[in-house]
């Protein structure tokens, strides 16, 4: 099985809070195994600066998971969130 080529998108997030007006460069890269979210100035314990990845989306056992590293010095993700409950099929009728 051949894996598709990487696809990437770049954007600048803007914080318009009156006290913290700022911009943050973001790059999202997708491949067959996962989606990687890079943020300029942020990273993870295993990544080479400036290419660390603090957020990853992946599929395991038929479910989507989001992994987050909130501490660059910890090799293990601080949060692993299963998105099973966010499936459209779980929505209650209005």
PDB file of N, CA and C in Angstrom:
ATOM      1  N   UNK A   1       0.851  -1.169   0.000  1.00  0.00           N
ATOM      2  CA  UNK A   1       0.000   0.000   0.000  1.00  0.00           C
ATOM      3  C   UNK A   1       0.900   1.237   0.000  1.00  0.00           C
ATOM      4  N   UNK A   2       0.674   2.156  -0.924  1.00  0.00           N
ATOM      5  CA  UNK A   2       1.448   3.394  -0.930  1.00  0.00           C
ATOM      6  C   UNK A   2       0.666   4.489  -0.221  1.00  0.00           C
ATOM      7  N   UNK A   3       1.394   5.298   0.535  1.00  0.00           N
ATOM      8  CA  UNK A   3       0.757   6.392   1.272  1.00  0.00           C
ATOM      9  C   UNK A   3       0.739   7.638   0.406  1.00  0.00           C
ATOM     10  N   UNK A   4      -0.353   8.420   0.473  1.00  0.00           N
ATOM     11  CA  UNK A   4      -0.421   9.644  -0.332  1.00  0.00           C
ATOM     12  C   UNK A   4       0.599  10.670   0.158  1.00  0.00           C
ATOM     13  N   UNK A   5       0.925  11.575  -0.716  1.00  0.00           N
ATOM     14  CA  UNK A   5       1.853  12.654  -0.379  1.00  0.00           C
ATOM     15  C   UNK A   5       1.258  13.547   0.702  1.00  0.00           C
ATOM     16  N   UNK A   6       2.144  14.211   1.424  1.00  0.00           N
ATOM     17  CA  UNK A   6       1.713  15.169   2.437  1.00  0.00           C
ATOM     18  C   UNK A   6       1.018  16.352   1.780  1.00  0.00           C
ATOM     19  N   UNK A   7       0.041  16.883   2.461  1.00  0.00           N
ATOM     20  CA  UNK A   7      -0.635  18.107   2.058  1.00  0.00           C
ATOM     21  C   UNK A   7      -0.539  19.065   3.232  1.00  0.00           C
ATOM     22  N   UNK A   8      -0.255  20.333   2.945  1.00  0.00           N
ATOM     23  CA  UNK A   8      -0.083  21.297   4.034  1.00  0.00           C
ATOM     24  C   UNK A   8      -0.849  22.573   3.749  1.00  0.00           C
ATOM     25  N   UNK A   9      -1.257  23.220   4.824  1.00  0.00           N
ATOM     26  CA  UNK A   9      -1.906  24.529   4.744  1.00  0.00           C
ATOM     27  C   UNK A   9      -1.304  25.399   5.837  1.00  0.00           C
ATOM     28  N   UNK A  10      -1.124  26.673   5.528  1.00  0.00           N
ATOM     29  CA  UNK A  10      -0.587  27.611   6.505  1.00  0.00           C
ATOM     30  C   UNK A  10      -1.584  28.733   6.733  1.00  0.00           C
ATOM     31  N   UNK A  11      -1.614  29.223   7.959  1.00  0.00           N
ATOM     32  CA  UNK A  11      -2.525  30.308   8.312  1.00  0.00           C
ATOM     33  C   UNK A  11      -1.913  31.114   9.447  1.00  0.00           C
ATOM     34  N   UNK A  12      -2.463  32.284   9.663  1.00  0.00           N
ATOM     35  CA  UNK A  12      -2.080  33.111  10.798  1.00  0.00           C
ATOM     36  C   UNK A  12      -3.304  33.330  11.658  1.00  0.00           C
ATOM     37  N   UNK A  13      -3.238  32.848  12.891  1.00  0.00           N
ATOM     38  CA  UNK A  13      -4.324  33.081  13.836  1.00  0.00           C
ATOM     39  C   UNK A  13      -4.132  34.468  14.431  1.00  0.00           C
ATOM     40  N   UNK A  14      -5.220  35.210  14.568  1.00  0.00           N
ATOM     41  CA  UNK A  14      -5.156  36.567  15.103  1.00  0.00           C
ATOM     42  C   UNK A  14      -5.937  36.632  16.399  1.00  0.00           C
ATOM     43  N   UNK A  15      -5.295  37.130  17.443  1.00  0.00           N
ATOM     44  CA  UNK A  15      -5.937  37.353  18.739  1.00  0.00           C
ATOM     45  C   UNK A  15      -6.287  38.833  18.807  1.00  0.00           C
ATOM     46  N   UNK A  16      -7.560  39.152  18.809  1.00  0.00           N
ATOM     47  CA  UNK A  16      -7.991  40.544  18.803  1.00  0.00           C
ATOM     48  C   UNK A  16      -8.385  41.051  20.177  1.00  0.00           C
ATOM     49  N   UNK A  17      -8.015  40.320  21.213  1.00  0.00           N
ATOM     50  CA  UNK A  17      -8.274  40.780  22.569  1.00  0.00           C
ATOM     51  C   UNK A  17      -7.585  42.129  22.760  1.00  0.00           C
ATOM     52  N   UNK A  18      -8.260  43.051  23.395  1.00  0.00           N
ATOM     53  CA  UNK A  18      -7.733  44.416  23.546  1.00  0.00           C
ATOM     54  C   UNK A  18      -6.391  44.450  24.272  1.00  0.00           C
ATOM     55  N   UNK A  19      -6.143  43.493  25.142  1.00  0.00           N
ATOM     56  CA  UNK A  19      -4.897  43.473  25.901  1.00  0.00           C
ATOM     57  C   UNK A  19      -3.812  42.674  25.196  1.00  0.00           C
ATOM     58  N   UNK A  20      -4.185  41.654  24.453  1.00  0.00           N
ATOM     59  CA  UNK A  20      -3.223  40.737  23.856  1.00  0.00           C
ATOM     60  C   UNK A  20      -3.352  40.674  22.339  1.00  0.00           C
ATOM     61  N   UNK A  21      -3.275  41.769  21.656  1.00  0.00           N
ATOM     62  CA  UNK A  21      -3.352  41.747  20.201  1.00  0.00           C
ATOM     63  C   UNK A  21      -2.079  41.080  19.688  1.00  0.00           C
ATOM     64  N   UNK A  22      -2.243  39.944  19.004  1.00  0.00           N
ATOM     65  CA  UNK A  22      -1.076  39.223  18.512  1.00  0.00           C
ATOM     66  C   UNK A  22      -1.474  38.319  17.351  1.00  0.00           C
ATOM     67  N   UNK A  23      -0.455  37.778  16.700  1.00  0.00           N
ATOM     68  CA  UNK A  23      -0.653  36.838  15.608  1.00  0.00           C
ATOM     69  C   UNK A  23       0.181  35.591  15.878  1.00  0.00           C
ATOM     70  N   UNK A  24      -0.299  34.442  15.410  1.00  0.00           N
ATOM     71  CA  UNK A  24       0.398  33.172  15.598  1.00  0.00           C
ATOM     72  C   UNK A  24       0.399  32.401  14.293  1.00  0.00           C
ATOM     73  N   UNK A  25       1.587  32.114  13.765  1.00  0.00           N
ATOM     74  CA  UNK A  25       1.706  31.323  12.542  1.00  0.00           C
ATOM     75  C   UNK A  25       1.415  29.854  12.858  1.00  0.00           C
ATOM     76  N   UNK A  26       0.558  29.245  12.040  1.00  0.00           N
ATOM     77  CA  UNK A  26       0.148  27.854  12.197  1.00  0.00           C
ATOM     78  C   UNK A  26       0.337  27.137  10.866  1.00  0.00           C
ATOM     79  N   UNK A  27       0.793  25.887  10.929  1.00  0.00           N
ATOM     80  CA  UNK A  27       0.852  25.045   9.724  1.00  0.00           C
ATOM     81  C   UNK A  27       0.213  23.704  10.061  1.00  0.00           C
ATOM     82  N   UNK A  28      -0.669  23.244   9.206  1.00  0.00           N
ATOM     83  CA  UNK A  28      -1.327  21.950   9.367  1.00  0.00           C
ATOM     84  C   UNK A  28      -0.875  21.072   8.211  1.00  0.00           C
ATOM     85  N   UNK A  29      -0.338  19.890   8.548  1.00  0.00           N
ATOM     86  CA  UNK A  29       0.131  18.958   7.539  1.00  0.00           C
ATOM     87  C   UNK A  29      -0.638  17.656   7.687  1.00  0.00           C
ATOM     88  N   UNK A  30      -1.195  17.167   6.586  1.00  0.00           N
ATOM     89  CA  UNK A  30      -1.994  15.943   6.620  1.00  0.00           C
ATOM     90  C   UNK A  30      -1.343  14.857   5.774  1.00  0.00           C
ATOM     91  N   UNK A  31      -1.396  13.645   6.277  1.00  0.00           N
ATOM     92  CA  UNK A  31      -0.961  12.473   5.511  1.00  0.00           C
ATOM     93  C   UNK A  31      -1.919  11.339   5.837  1.00  0.00           C
ATOM     94  N   UNK A  32      -1.626  10.163   5.359  1.00  0.00           N
ATOM     95  CA  UNK A  32      -2.551   9.044   5.552  1.00  0.00           C
ATOM     96  C   UNK A  32      -2.647   8.609   7.017  1.00  0.00           C
ATOM     97  N   UNK A  33      -1.607   8.821   7.800  1.00  0.00           N
ATOM     98  CA  UNK A  33      -1.593   8.310   9.164  1.00  0.00           C
ATOM     99  C   UNK A  33      -2.056   9.304  10.219  1.00  0.00           C
ATOM    100  N   UNK A  34      -1.888  10.610   9.953  1.00  0.00           N
ATOM    101  CA  UNK A  34      -2.250  11.589  10.966  1.00  0.00           C
ATOM    102  C   UNK A  34      -2.302  12.991  10.380  1.00  0.00           C
ATOM    103  N   UNK A  35      -2.764  13.914  11.205  1.00  0.00           N
ATOM    104  CA  UNK A  35      -2.751  15.340  10.880  1.00  0.00           C
ATOM    105  C   UNK A  35      -1.896  15.998  11.951  1.00  0.00           C
ATOM    106  N   UNK A  36      -0.906  16.773  11.527  1.00  0.00           N
ATOM    107  CA  UNK A  36       0.030  17.414  12.441  1.00  0.00           C
ATOM    108  C   UNK A  36      -0.243  18.909  12.473  1.00  0.00           C
ATOM    109  N   UNK A  37      -0.290  19.486  13.674  1.00  0.00           N
ATOM    110  CA  UNK A  37      -0.511  20.920  13.821  1.00  0.00           C
ATOM    111  C   UNK A  37       0.756  21.531  14.424  1.00  0.00           C
ATOM    112  N   UNK A  38       1.428  22.346  13.626  1.00  0.00           N
ATOM    113  CA  UNK A  38       2.640  23.046  14.044  1.00  0.00           C
ATOM    114  C   UNK A  38       2.260  24.478  14.395  1.00  0.00           C
ATOM    115  N   UNK A  39       2.892  25.048  15.412  1.00  0.00           N
ATOM    116  CA  UNK A  39       2.696  26.457  15.772  1.00  0.00           C
ATOM    117  C   UNK A  39       4.079  27.066  15.986  1.00  0.00           C
ATOM    118  N   UNK A  40       4.355  28.165  15.308  1.00  0.00           N
ATOM    119  CA  UNK A  40       5.657  28.812  15.434  1.00  0.00           C
ATOM    120  C   UNK A  40       5.945  29.133  16.895  1.00  0.00           C
ATOM    121  N   UNK A  41       7.119  28.733  17.369  1.00  0.00           N
ATOM    122  CA  UNK A  41       7.502  28.998  18.744  1.00  0.00           C
ATOM    123  C   UNK A  41       7.067  27.934  19.736  1.00  0.00           C
ATOM    124  N   UNK A  42       6.388  26.874  19.266  1.00  0.00           N
ATOM    125  CA  UNK A  42       5.918  25.792  20.119  1.00  0.00           C
ATOM    126  C   UNK A  42       6.479  24.483  19.596  1.00  0.00           C
ATOM    127  N   UNK A  43       6.481  23.432  20.435  1.00  0.00           N
ATOM    128  CA  UNK A  43       7.002  22.154  19.984  1.00  0.00           C
ATOM    129  C   UNK A  43       6.674  21.039  20.944  1.00  0.00           C
ATOM    130  N   UNK A  44       7.432  19.952  20.816  1.00  0.00           N
ATOM    131  CA  UNK A  44       7.283  18.796  21.685  1.00  0.00           C
ATOM    132  C   UNK A  44       8.676  18.286  22.034  1.00  0.00           C
ATOM    133  N   UNK A  45       8.750  17.341  22.973  1.00  0.00           N
ATOM    134  CA  UNK A  45      10.035  16.874  23.487  1.00  0.00           C
ATOM    135  C   UNK A  45      10.883  16.169  22.431  1.00  0.00           C
ATOM    136  N   UNK A  46      10.262  15.506  21.468  1.00  0.00           N
ATOM    137  CA  UNK A  46      11.006  14.718  20.485  1.00  0.00           C
ATOM    138  C   UNK A  46      11.319  15.482  19.208  1.00  0.00           C
ATOM    139  N   UNK A  47      10.631  16.562  18.946  1.00  0.00           N
ATOM    140  CA  UNK A  47      10.789  17.281  17.689  1.00  0.00           C
ATOM    141  C   UNK A  47      12.044  18.132  17.656  1.00  0.00           C
ATOM    142  N   UNK A  48      12.542  18.341  16.462  1.00  0.00           N
ATOM    143  CA  UNK A  48      13.661  19.246  16.267  1.00  0.00           C
ATOM    144  C   UNK A  48      13.108  20.653  16.083  1.00  0.00           C
ATOM    145  N   UNK A  49      13.635  21.603  16.849  1.00  0.00           N
ATOM    146  CA  UNK A  49      13.184  22.991  16.722  1.00  0.00           C
ATOM    147  C   UNK A  49      13.495  23.497  15.325  1.00  0.00           C
ATOM    148  N   UNK A  50      12.659  24.217  14.663  1.00  0.00           N
ATOM    149  CA  UNK A  50      11.336  24.661  15.115  1.00  0.00           C
ATOM    150  C   UNK A  50      10.212  23.770  14.602  1.00  0.00           C
ATOM    151  N   UNK A  51      10.463  22.476  14.454  1.00  0.00           N
ATOM    152  CA  UNK A  51       9.493  21.596  13.805  1.00  0.00           C
ATOM    153  C   UNK A  51       8.763  20.663  14.753  1.00  0.00           C
ATOM    154  N   UNK A  52       8.692  20.995  16.026  1.00  0.00           N
ATOM    155  CA  UNK A  52       7.941  20.180  16.958  1.00  0.00           C
ATOM    156  C   UNK A  52       6.452  20.261  16.690  1.00  0.00           C
ATOM    157  N   UNK A  53       5.735  19.268  17.155  1.00  0.00           N
ATOM    158  CA  UNK A  53       4.302  19.156  16.882  1.00  0.00           C
ATOM    159  C   UNK A  53       3.553  19.007  18.202  1.00  0.00           C
ATOM    160  N   UNK A  54       2.930  20.082  18.713  1.00  0.00           N
ATOM    161  CA  UNK A  54       2.218  19.957  19.990  1.00  0.00           C
ATOM    162  C   UNK A  54       0.803  19.381  19.880  1.00  0.00           C
ATOM    163  N   UNK A  55       0.275  19.218  18.650  1.00  0.00           N
ATOM    164  CA  UNK A  55      -1.075  18.666  18.480  1.00  0.00           C
ATOM    165  C   UNK A  55      -1.070  17.695  17.297  1.00  0.00           C
ATOM    166  N   UNK A  56      -1.619  16.489  17.513  1.00  0.00           N
ATOM    167  CA  UNK A  56      -1.707  15.462  16.472  1.00  0.00           C
ATOM    168  C   UNK A  56      -3.117  14.888  16.481  1.00  0.00           C
ATOM    169  N   UNK A  57      -3.688  14.676  15.300  1.00  0.00           N
ATOM    170  CA  UNK A  57      -4.972  13.980  15.165  1.00  0.00           C
ATOM    171  C   UNK A  57      -4.682  12.668  14.454  1.00  0.00           C
ATOM    172  N   UNK A  58      -5.174  11.568  15.009  1.00  0.00           N
ATOM    173  CA  UNK A  58      -4.930  10.261  14.393  1.00  0.00           C
ATOM    174  C   UNK A  58      -6.137   9.362  14.573  1.00  0.00           C
ATOM    175  N   UNK A  59      -6.182   8.314  13.775  1.00  0.00           N
ATOM    176  CA  UNK A  59      -7.266   7.342  13.871  1.00  0.00           C
ATOM    177  C   UNK A  59      -6.695   6.042  14.414  1.00  0.00           C
ATOM    178  N   UNK A  60      -7.358   5.512  15.443  1.00  0.00           N
ATOM    179  CA  UNK A  60      -6.971   4.237  16.038  1.00  0.00           C
ATOM    180  C   UNK A  60      -8.214   3.411  16.290  1.00  0.00           C
ATOM    181  N   UNK A  61      -8.199   2.188  15.864  1.00  0.00           N
ATOM    182  CA  UNK A  61      -9.330   1.280  16.095  1.00  0.00           C
ATOM    183  C   UNK A  61     -10.654   1.885  15.652  1.00  0.00           C
ATOM    184  N   UNK A  62     -10.636   2.606  14.547  1.00  0.00           N
ATOM    185  CA  UNK A  62     -11.858   3.175  13.991  1.00  0.00           C
ATOM    186  C   UNK A  62     -12.331   4.453  14.655  1.00  0.00           C
ATOM    187  N   UNK A  63     -11.576   4.997  15.580  1.00  0.00           N
ATOM    188  CA  UNK A  63     -11.962   6.221  16.282  1.00  0.00           C
ATOM    189  C   UNK A  63     -10.916   7.308  16.070  1.00  0.00           C
ATOM    190  N   UNK A  64     -11.369   8.561  16.033  1.00  0.00           N
ATOM    191  CA  UNK A  64     -10.453   9.696  15.953  1.00  0.00           C
ATOM    192  C   UNK A  64      -9.986  10.090  17.353  1.00  0.00           C
ATOM    193  N   UNK A  65      -8.709  10.412  17.463  1.00  0.00           N
ATOM    194  CA  UNK A  65      -8.118  10.870  18.712  1.00  0.00           C
ATOM    195  C   UNK A  65      -7.336  12.144  18.459  1.00  0.00           C
ATOM    196  N   UNK A  66      -7.338  13.047  19.441  1.00  0.00           N
ATOM    197  CA  UNK A  66      -6.489  14.237  19.423  1.00  0.00           C
ATOM    198  C   UNK A  66      -5.493  14.068  20.560  1.00  0.00           C
ATOM    199  N   UNK A  67      -4.190  14.183  20.221  1.00  0.00           N
ATOM    200  CA  UNK A  67      -3.143  14.110  21.239  1.00  0.00           C
ATOM    201  C   UNK A  67      -2.529  15.497  21.372  1.00  0.00           C
ATOM    202  N   UNK A  68      -2.355  15.951  22.625  1.00  0.00           N
ATOM    203  CA  UNK A  68      -1.838  17.286  22.897  1.00  0.00           C
ATOM    204  C   UNK A  68      -0.672  17.180  23.880  1.00  0.00           C
ATOM    205  N   UNK A  69       0.400  17.902  23.574  1.00  0.00           N
ATOM    206  CA  UNK A  69       1.548  18.022  24.478  1.00  0.00           C
ATOM    207  C   UNK A  69       1.534  19.446  25.014  1.00  0.00           C
ATOM    208  N   UNK A  70       1.210  19.623  26.300  1.00  0.00           N
ATOM    209  CA  UNK A  70       1.203  20.974  26.872  1.00  0.00           C
ATOM    210  C   UNK A  70       2.507  21.275  27.615  1.00  0.00           C
ATOM    211  N   UNK A  71       3.450  20.315  27.603  1.00  0.00           N
ATOM    212  CA  UNK A  71       4.755  20.501  28.240  1.00  0.00           C
ATOM    213  C   UNK A  71       5.828  20.008  27.284  1.00  0.00           C
ATOM    214  N   UNK A  72       6.627  20.910  26.762  1.00  0.00           N
ATOM    215  CA  UNK A  72       7.655  20.563  25.773  1.00  0.00           C
ATOM    216  C   UNK A  72       8.700  19.603  26.335  1.00  0.00           C
ATOM    217  N   UNK A  73       8.790  19.482  27.644  1.00  0.00           N
ATOM    218  CA  UNK A  73       9.793  18.611  28.262  1.00  0.00           C
ATOM    219  C   UNK A  73       9.284  17.201  28.538  1.00  0.00           C
ATOM    220  N   UNK A  74       8.029  16.937  28.254  1.00  0.00           N
ATOM    221  CA  UNK A  74       7.439  15.622  28.494  1.00  0.00           C
ATOM    222  C   UNK A  74       7.225  14.915  27.165  1.00  0.00           C
ATOM    223  N   UNK A  75       7.809  13.731  27.000  1.00  0.00           N
ATOM    224  CA  UNK A  75       7.690  12.978  25.743  1.00  0.00           C
ATOM    225  C   UNK A  75       6.293  12.392  25.548  1.00  0.00           C
ATOM    226  N   UNK A  76       5.565  12.198  26.627  1.00  0.00           N
ATOM    227  CA  UNK A  76       4.215  11.627  26.514  1.00  0.00           C
ATOM    228  C   UNK A  76       3.197  12.752  26.395  1.00  0.00           C
ATOM    229  N   UNK A  77       2.149  12.568  25.586  1.00  0.00           N
ATOM    230  CA  UNK A  77       1.133  13.619  25.482  1.00  0.00           C
ATOM    231  C   UNK A  77       0.444  13.831  26.835  1.00  0.00           C
ATOM    232  N   UNK A  78       0.145  15.092  27.127  1.00  0.00           N
ATOM    233  CA  UNK A  78      -0.548  15.411  28.373  1.00  0.00           C
ATOM    234  C   UNK A  78      -2.034  15.080  28.285  1.00  0.00           C
ATOM    235  N   UNK A  79      -2.583  15.100  27.075  1.00  0.00           N
ATOM    236  CA  UNK A  79      -4.001  14.820  26.864  1.00  0.00           C
ATOM    237  C   UNK A  79      -4.160  13.942  25.627  1.00  0.00           C
ATOM    238  N   UNK A  80      -4.956  12.886  25.746  1.00  0.00           N
ATOM    239  CA  UNK A  80      -5.359  12.057  24.611  1.00  0.00           C
ATOM    240  C   UNK A  80      -6.876  12.027  24.659  1.00  0.00           C
ATOM    241  N   UNK A  81      -7.496  12.644  23.664  1.00  0.00           N
ATOM    242  CA  UNK A  81      -8.948  12.828  23.663  1.00  0.00           C
ATOM    243  C   UNK A  81      -9.573  11.991  22.551  1.00  0.00           C
ATOM    244  N   UNK A  82     -10.451  11.090  22.921  1.00  0.00           N
ATOM    245  CA  UNK A  82     -11.204  10.312  21.936  1.00  0.00           C
ATOM    246  C   UNK A  82     -12.408  11.144  21.500  1.00  0.00           C
ATOM    247  N   UNK A  83     -12.614  11.256  20.199  1.00  0.00           N
ATOM    248  CA  UNK A  83     -13.713  12.068  19.674  1.00  0.00           C
ATOM    249  C   UNK A  83     -14.985  11.255  19.403  1.00  0.00           C
ATOM    250  N   UNK A  84     -15.055  10.067  19.962  1.00  0.00           N
ATOM    251  CA  UNK A  84     -16.214   9.193  19.751  1.00  0.00           C
ATOM    252  C   UNK A  84     -17.531   9.904  20.063  1.00  0.00           C
ATOM    253  N   UNK A  85     -17.568  10.655  21.149  1.00  0.00           N
ATOM    254  CA  UNK A  85     -18.789  11.353  21.550  1.00  0.00           C
ATOM    255  C   UNK A  85     -19.154  12.516  20.639  1.00  0.00           C
ATOM    256  N   UNK A  86     -18.228  12.944  19.770  1.00  0.00           N
ATOM    257  CA  UNK A  86     -18.488  14.069  18.868  1.00  0.00           C
ATOM    258  C   UNK A  86     -19.026  13.621  17.500  1.00  0.00           C
ATOM    259  N   UNK A  87     -19.230  12.322  17.331  1.00  0.00           N
ATOM    260  CA  UNK A  87     -19.796  11.839  16.062  1.00  0.00           C
ATOM    261  C   UNK A  87     -21.178  12.421  15.834  1.00  0.00           C
ATOM    262  N   UNK A  88     -21.454  12.759  14.594  1.00  0.00           N
ATOM    263  CA  UNK A  88     -22.778  13.303  14.255  1.00  0.00           C
ATOM    264  C   UNK A  88     -23.891  12.325  14.611  1.00  0.00           C
ATOM    265  N   UNK A  89     -23.607  11.037  14.522  1.00  0.00           N
ATOM    266  CA  UNK A  89     -24.623  10.045  14.849  1.00  0.00           C
ATOM    267  C   UNK A  89     -25.013  10.053  16.331  1.00  0.00           C
ATOM    268  N   UNK A  90     -24.234  10.711  17.175  1.00  0.00           N
ATOM    269  CA  UNK A  90     -24.551  10.807  18.603  1.00  0.00           C
ATOM    270  C   UNK A  90     -25.384  12.032  18.965  1.00  0.00           C
ATOM    271  N   UNK A  91     -25.670  12.873  17.991  1.00  0.00           N
ATOM    272  CA  UNK A  91     -26.422  14.088  18.275  1.00  0.00           C
ATOM    273  C   UNK A  91     -27.854  13.769  18.673  1.00  0.00           C
ATOM    274  N   UNK A  92     -28.311  14.404  19.741  1.00  0.00           N
ATOM    275  CA  UNK A  92     -29.701  14.250  20.178  1.00  0.00           C
ATOM    276  C   UNK A  92     -30.603  15.068  19.274  1.00  0.00           C
ATOM    277  N   UNK A  93     -31.804  14.566  18.986  1.00  0.00           N
ATOM    278  CA  UNK A  93     -32.726  15.340  18.161  1.00  0.00           C
ATOM    279  C   UNK A  93     -33.074  16.662  18.832  1.00  0.00           C
ATOM    280  N   UNK A  94     -33.256  17.686  18.012  1.00  0.00           N
ATOM    281  CA  UNK A  94     -33.608  19.014  18.561  1.00  0.00           C
ATOM    282  C   UNK A  94     -35.098  19.132  18.738  1.00  0.00           C
TER     283      UNK A  94
END
